[in-house]
């Protein structure tokens, strides 16, 4: 069994893409994922599975669509990948920087006011993107090692 960090894109506190974390844990455990834990109400999950990251992504997306009605893109990383992303944080004065593993954003004001949104990044780079702050990623890596 491998440990993975699963990041759901577009989870909202209410409305179309809302999903309660207790419900998310329940439906993932029912679908053969082990040791499922969530962190805050924005779609951060640590779980165990023998599946590959791409298989987990497809399966989690399908389970959420079937059981919650939300079609949410799913990004799956290993704790080592998230640790590498945290370690290579490039910021000085850059507004954004793309590395092999991630894109780093420096947003000195309120993130809700930036034009560097997930949708903008996805359209420009033709990728699936989701953003998490340094503190959240650090916590997820810590959870994965518990």
Protein backbone atom coordinates (compact mmCIF):
# COMPACT_ATOMS: atom_id res chain seq x y z
CA UNK A 1 0.00 0.00 0.00
CA UNK A 2 1.34 3.39 -0.98
CA UNK A 3 0.48 6.73 0.63
CA UNK A 4 -0.84 9.47 -1.65
CA UNK A 5 -1.94 13.06 -1.29
CA UNK A 6 -5.08 13.76 -3.29
CA UNK A 7 -5.99 17.34 -4.16
CA UNK A 8 -9.49 18.07 -5.43
CA UNK A 9 -9.84 21.06 -7.74
CA UNK A 10 -12.73 23.46 -7.27
CA UNK A 11 -14.21 22.31 -3.96
CA UNK A 12 -16.39 25.09 -2.56
CA UNK A 13 -17.89 25.50 0.94
CA UNK A 14 -21.40 25.52 -0.56
CA UNK A 15 -23.13 25.16 -3.90
CA UNK A 16 -22.44 22.94 -6.90
CA UNK A 17 -18.97 21.72 -5.93
CA UNK A 18 -19.44 21.38 -2.20
CA UNK A 19 -18.61 18.12 -0.49
CA UNK A 20 -18.37 17.52 3.23
CA UNK A 21 -15.06 16.02 4.24
CA UNK A 22 -16.69 13.38 6.49
CA UNK A 23 -18.80 12.25 3.53
CA UNK A 24 -15.74 12.26 1.26
CA UNK A 25 -13.84 10.05 3.72
CA UNK A 26 -16.81 7.69 3.92
CA UNK A 27 -17.31 7.26 0.17
CA UNK A 28 -13.58 6.79 -0.47
CA UNK A 29 -13.30 4.18 2.28
CA UNK A 30 -16.33 2.39 0.82
CA UNK A 31 -14.52 2.34 -2.52
CA UNK A 32 -11.49 0.44 -1.20
CA UNK A 33 -9.17 3.29 -0.25
CA UNK A 34 -7.50 2.83 3.13
CA UNK A 35 -6.61 5.14 6.02
CA UNK A 36 -8.46 8.07 4.40
CA UNK A 37 -7.89 11.38 6.16
CA UNK A 38 -8.88 14.89 5.12
CA UNK A 39 -7.49 18.30 5.95
CA UNK A 40 -9.68 21.41 6.06
CA UNK A 41 -12.82 21.83 3.95
CA UNK A 42 -11.17 22.38 0.57
CA UNK A 43 -10.54 18.93 -0.82
CA UNK A 44 -7.24 17.76 0.68
CA UNK A 45 -6.98 14.02 1.25
CA UNK A 46 -4.27 11.63 2.41
CA UNK A 47 -5.00 7.98 1.69
CA UNK A 48 -3.44 4.61 1.02
CA UNK A 49 -3.90 2.53 -2.10
CA UNK A 50 -2.09 -0.04 -4.23
CA UNK A 51 -3.25 1.81 -7.35
CA UNK A 52 -1.12 4.17 -9.44
CA UNK A 53 -1.62 7.96 -9.18
CA UNK A 54 -3.48 8.07 -12.51
CA UNK A 55 -5.75 5.19 -11.48
CA UNK A 56 -6.48 6.89 -8.15
CA UNK A 57 -7.27 10.16 -9.91
CA UNK A 58 -9.78 8.51 -12.25
CA UNK A 59 -11.36 6.42 -9.48
CA UNK A 60 -11.71 9.30 -6.98
CA UNK A 61 -13.22 11.55 -9.66
CA UNK A 62 -15.73 8.85 -10.65
CA UNK A 63 -16.70 8.09 -7.03
CA UNK A 64 -17.30 11.78 -6.25
CA UNK A 65 -19.33 12.25 -9.43
CA UNK A 66 -21.44 9.16 -8.72
CA UNK A 67 -22.02 9.74 -5.00
CA UNK A 68 -21.98 13.56 -4.76
CA UNK A 69 -22.82 14.75 -8.27
CA UNK A 70 -19.71 16.95 -8.48
CA UNK A 71 -17.30 16.55 -11.39
CA UNK A 72 -14.03 17.61 -9.78
CA UNK A 73 -10.59 17.30 -11.34
CA UNK A 74 -8.29 15.27 -9.08
CA UNK A 75 -4.52 15.64 -8.75
CA UNK A 76 -2.61 12.85 -7.00
CA UNK A 77 0.94 13.22 -5.68
CA UNK A 78 3.20 11.18 -3.44
CA UNK A 79 4.41 12.74 -0.17
CA UNK A 80 7.92 12.81 -1.68
CA UNK A 81 6.65 14.79 -4.67
CA UNK A 82 4.98 17.32 -2.38
CA UNK A 83 8.15 17.54 -0.26
CA UNK A 84 10.16 18.21 -3.44
CA UNK A 85 7.65 20.89 -4.47
CA UNK A 86 8.00 22.56 -1.07
CA UNK A 87 11.80 22.29 -1.15
CA UNK A 88 12.23 23.89 -4.55
CA UNK A 89 10.11 26.97 -3.79
CA UNK A 90 11.90 29.57 -5.91
CA UNK A 91 10.59 32.87 -4.62
CA UNK A 92 12.38 36.14 -4.35
CA UNK A 93 10.65 38.69 -6.56
CA UNK A 94 9.03 36.40 -9.13
CA UNK A 95 5.27 36.46 -9.64
CA UNK A 96 5.24 32.87 -10.86
CA UNK A 97 7.74 30.22 -11.80
CA UNK A 98 7.26 26.86 -13.44
CA UNK A 99 9.45 23.93 -12.42
CA UNK A 100 9.35 20.28 -13.42
CA UNK A 101 6.94 19.37 -10.59
CA UNK A 102 4.84 22.48 -9.97
CA UNK A 103 4.06 26.10 -10.70
CA UNK A 104 4.76 28.50 -7.85
CA UNK A 105 2.71 31.66 -7.41
CA UNK A 106 3.68 34.64 -5.34
CA UNK A 107 0.52 36.56 -4.51
CA UNK A 108 1.34 39.30 -1.98
CA UNK A 109 -2.28 40.48 -1.74
CA UNK A 110 -5.56 38.61 -1.40
CA UNK A 111 -5.50 35.48 -3.62
CA UNK A 112 -9.13 36.10 -4.61
CA UNK A 113 -8.01 39.24 -6.47
CA UNK A 114 -5.26 37.71 -8.61
CA UNK A 115 -5.60 37.07 -12.33
CA UNK A 116 -3.38 34.00 -11.90
CA UNK A 117 -6.38 31.77 -11.18
CA UNK A 118 -6.62 28.02 -11.71
CA UNK A 119 -8.83 28.61 -14.76
CA UNK A 120 -6.37 31.09 -16.29
CA UNK A 121 -3.42 28.74 -15.73
CA UNK A 122 -5.34 25.73 -17.07
CA UNK A 123 -6.35 27.55 -20.25
CA UNK A 124 -2.90 29.01 -20.92
CA UNK A 125 -0.94 25.82 -20.21
CA UNK A 126 -3.58 23.23 -21.21
CA UNK A 127 -3.25 21.36 -17.89
CA UNK A 128 -5.36 20.52 -14.84
CA UNK A 129 -4.30 22.79 -12.00
CA UNK A 130 -5.15 23.35 -8.37
CA UNK A 131 -3.54 25.62 -5.83
CA UNK A 132 -2.60 25.06 -2.20
CA UNK A 133 -0.64 27.27 0.13
CA UNK A 134 2.67 26.31 1.70
CA UNK A 135 1.10 25.60 5.10
CA UNK A 136 -1.51 23.22 3.67
CA UNK A 137 1.05 21.24 1.66
CA UNK A 138 3.34 21.03 4.69
CA UNK A 139 0.46 19.70 6.82
CA UNK A 140 -0.49 17.11 4.19
CA UNK A 141 3.09 15.78 4.08
CA UNK A 142 3.07 15.56 7.90
CA UNK A 143 -0.27 13.71 7.83
CA UNK A 144 1.10 11.29 5.25
CA UNK A 145 3.97 10.35 7.56
CA UNK A 146 1.77 9.73 10.64
